[in-house]
Protein backbone atom coordinates (compact mmCIF):
# COMPACT_ATOMS: atom_id res chain seq x y z
CA MET A 1 -1.05 -9.90 24.83
CA GLY A 2 -2.57 -8.17 21.80
CA GLU A 3 -3.27 -11.31 19.78
CA SER A 4 -6.85 -11.67 21.01
CA LEU A 5 -7.52 -8.02 20.12
CA VAL A 6 -6.19 -8.61 16.60
CA GLU A 7 -8.47 -11.64 16.23
CA GLU A 8 -11.48 -9.61 17.35
CA ILE A 9 -10.67 -6.85 14.87
CA LYS A 10 -10.22 -9.40 12.07
CA ASP A 11 -13.89 -10.37 12.51
CA PHE A 12 -14.97 -7.08 10.91
CA ALA A 13 -11.72 -6.09 9.14
CA PRO A 14 -10.13 -9.28 7.76
CA GLN A 15 -7.35 -7.36 5.97
CA ILE A 16 -5.75 -6.48 9.34
CA ASP A 17 -2.47 -8.15 10.28
CA GLY A 18 -0.87 -8.09 13.71
CA VAL A 19 2.84 -7.55 14.29
CA SER A 20 4.71 -9.11 17.19
CA PHE A 21 7.38 -6.71 18.41
CA THR A 22 10.26 -9.19 18.61
CA ALA A 23 13.84 -7.94 18.66
CA ARG A 24 14.29 -8.93 15.01
CA VAL A 25 11.07 -7.21 13.89
CA LYS A 26 12.03 -4.06 15.80
CA GLN A 27 15.43 -4.14 14.08
CA ASP A 28 13.78 -4.53 10.66
CA MET A 29 11.41 -1.66 11.44
CA MET A 30 14.21 0.69 12.50
CA VAL A 31 16.42 -0.22 9.54
CA LEU A 32 13.53 0.46 7.17
CA LEU A 33 12.75 3.76 8.93
CA GLN A 34 16.38 4.85 8.65
CA THR A 35 16.49 3.80 4.99
CA ARG A 36 13.34 5.75 4.14
CA MET A 37 14.75 8.81 5.91
CA LYS A 38 18.04 8.54 3.98
CA GLN A 39 16.13 8.12 0.73
CA LYS A 40 14.12 11.26 1.60
CA ARG A 41 10.94 9.23 1.17
CA LEU A 42 9.61 10.27 4.56
CA ILE A 43 8.45 13.75 5.48
CA LEU A 44 8.53 14.37 9.22
CA PRO A 45 6.49 17.06 10.93
CA PHE A 46 8.34 19.55 13.10
CA ASP A 47 7.27 17.92 16.33
CA ARG A 48 9.80 18.36 19.13
CA SER A 49 8.64 15.28 21.01
CA LEU A 50 8.92 12.97 17.98
CA LEU A 51 12.26 14.42 16.88
CA SER A 52 13.63 14.07 20.43
CA GLN A 53 12.56 10.43 20.54
CA ILE A 54 14.27 9.75 17.22
CA ASN A 55 17.48 11.43 18.37
CA GLU A 56 17.51 9.87 21.84
CA GLN A 57 16.96 6.29 20.69
CA GLN A 58 19.95 4.06 21.32
CA TYR A 59 20.82 0.53 20.34
CA ARG A 60 23.35 -2.13 21.07
CA PHE A 61 24.35 -5.55 19.85
CA GLY A 62 25.05 -8.20 22.39
CA LYS A 63 23.80 -10.90 24.63
CA VAL A 64 22.24 -8.82 27.43
CA LYS A 65 19.78 -5.92 27.37
CA PRO A 66 20.43 -2.80 29.49
CA ASP A 67 17.96 -4.14 32.08
CA GLY A 68 19.92 -7.40 32.37
CA SER A 69 17.48 -9.68 30.55
CA PRO A 70 18.69 -11.96 27.74
CA GLU A 71 18.22 -11.05 24.10
CA GLU A 72 18.58 -12.67 20.72
CA LYS A 73 22.26 -12.85 19.76
CA GLY A 74 23.32 -10.67 16.84
CA VAL A 75 20.16 -8.56 16.88
CA MET A 76 19.96 -4.91 17.87
CA THR A 77 18.24 -4.05 21.12
CA PHE A 78 16.74 -0.56 21.29
CA TYR A 79 16.37 1.55 24.38
CA HIS A 80 16.05 5.15 25.47
CA PRO A 81 17.35 7.20 28.42
CA GLN A 82 15.52 7.07 31.73
CA ARG A 83 12.52 9.39 31.92
CA ALA A 84 12.45 9.56 28.11
CA HIS A 85 9.86 7.95 25.86
CA ASP A 86 9.85 6.18 22.52
CA ASP A 87 6.15 5.57 21.83
CA GLN A 88 5.91 8.10 18.99
CA LEU A 89 9.08 6.74 17.41
CA TRP A 90 7.71 3.18 17.41
CA ALA A 91 4.36 4.39 16.06
CA LEU A 92 6.22 6.08 13.19
CA ALA A 93 8.40 3.00 12.60
CA LEU A 94 5.31 0.77 12.58
CA ALA A 95 3.53 3.05 10.10
CA VAL A 96 6.55 3.03 7.75
CA TYR A 97 6.86 -0.75 8.14
CA ALA A 98 3.16 -1.26 7.39
CA ALA A 99 3.36 0.99 4.31
CA LYS A 100 6.40 -0.69 2.79
CA GLU A 101 5.99 -1.97 -0.71
CA ARG A 102 5.33 -5.62 -0.80
CA GLY A 103 6.79 -7.42 -3.75
CA PRO A 104 4.49 -9.41 -5.96
CA LYS A 105 3.47 -12.75 -4.56
CA PRO A 106 5.55 -15.53 -6.07
CA VAL A 107 3.77 -17.55 -8.69
CA VAL A 108 4.43 -21.26 -8.78
CA TYR A 109 4.10 -22.84 -12.17
CA VAL A 110 3.58 -26.56 -12.37
CA ILE A 111 4.80 -28.09 -15.58
CA PRO A 112 2.75 -31.12 -16.47
CA LYS A 113 4.71 -34.25 -17.32
C-alpha cells in the first residue's frame, strides 16, 4: 500500500527506506524497543496516551491471530484491547528501529591467485 509513496519520496530523498510491517519486523521492532528501555537508552516523555499504549500492548505466539486470521508460526503477534489504540507505540518503535546502530558494511576481500 505505501510502496508507491516510498518510491515517490525517494525521487527527492534517495536516502529514505521503507519498512514493511510484517509480523517478524514488528517483533524485531518491539524487542529492540524493550531492549533500549531496559538499557535506559530511551527517554520517554510523560505522555499518558503513549504510556497507556505501551502498557496495554499484548502479544501472543501461535498459529492464529485474535481476529482469527493466520499468522507466521513462531512469531509474536501484537494486539491491543478493543477501543484502545497503538499508533503512538508503533511510531515510537519505528523511530527506535530506524535509529538503531547499523554495523559496518562487510568488506569482501578478493585474494588474487
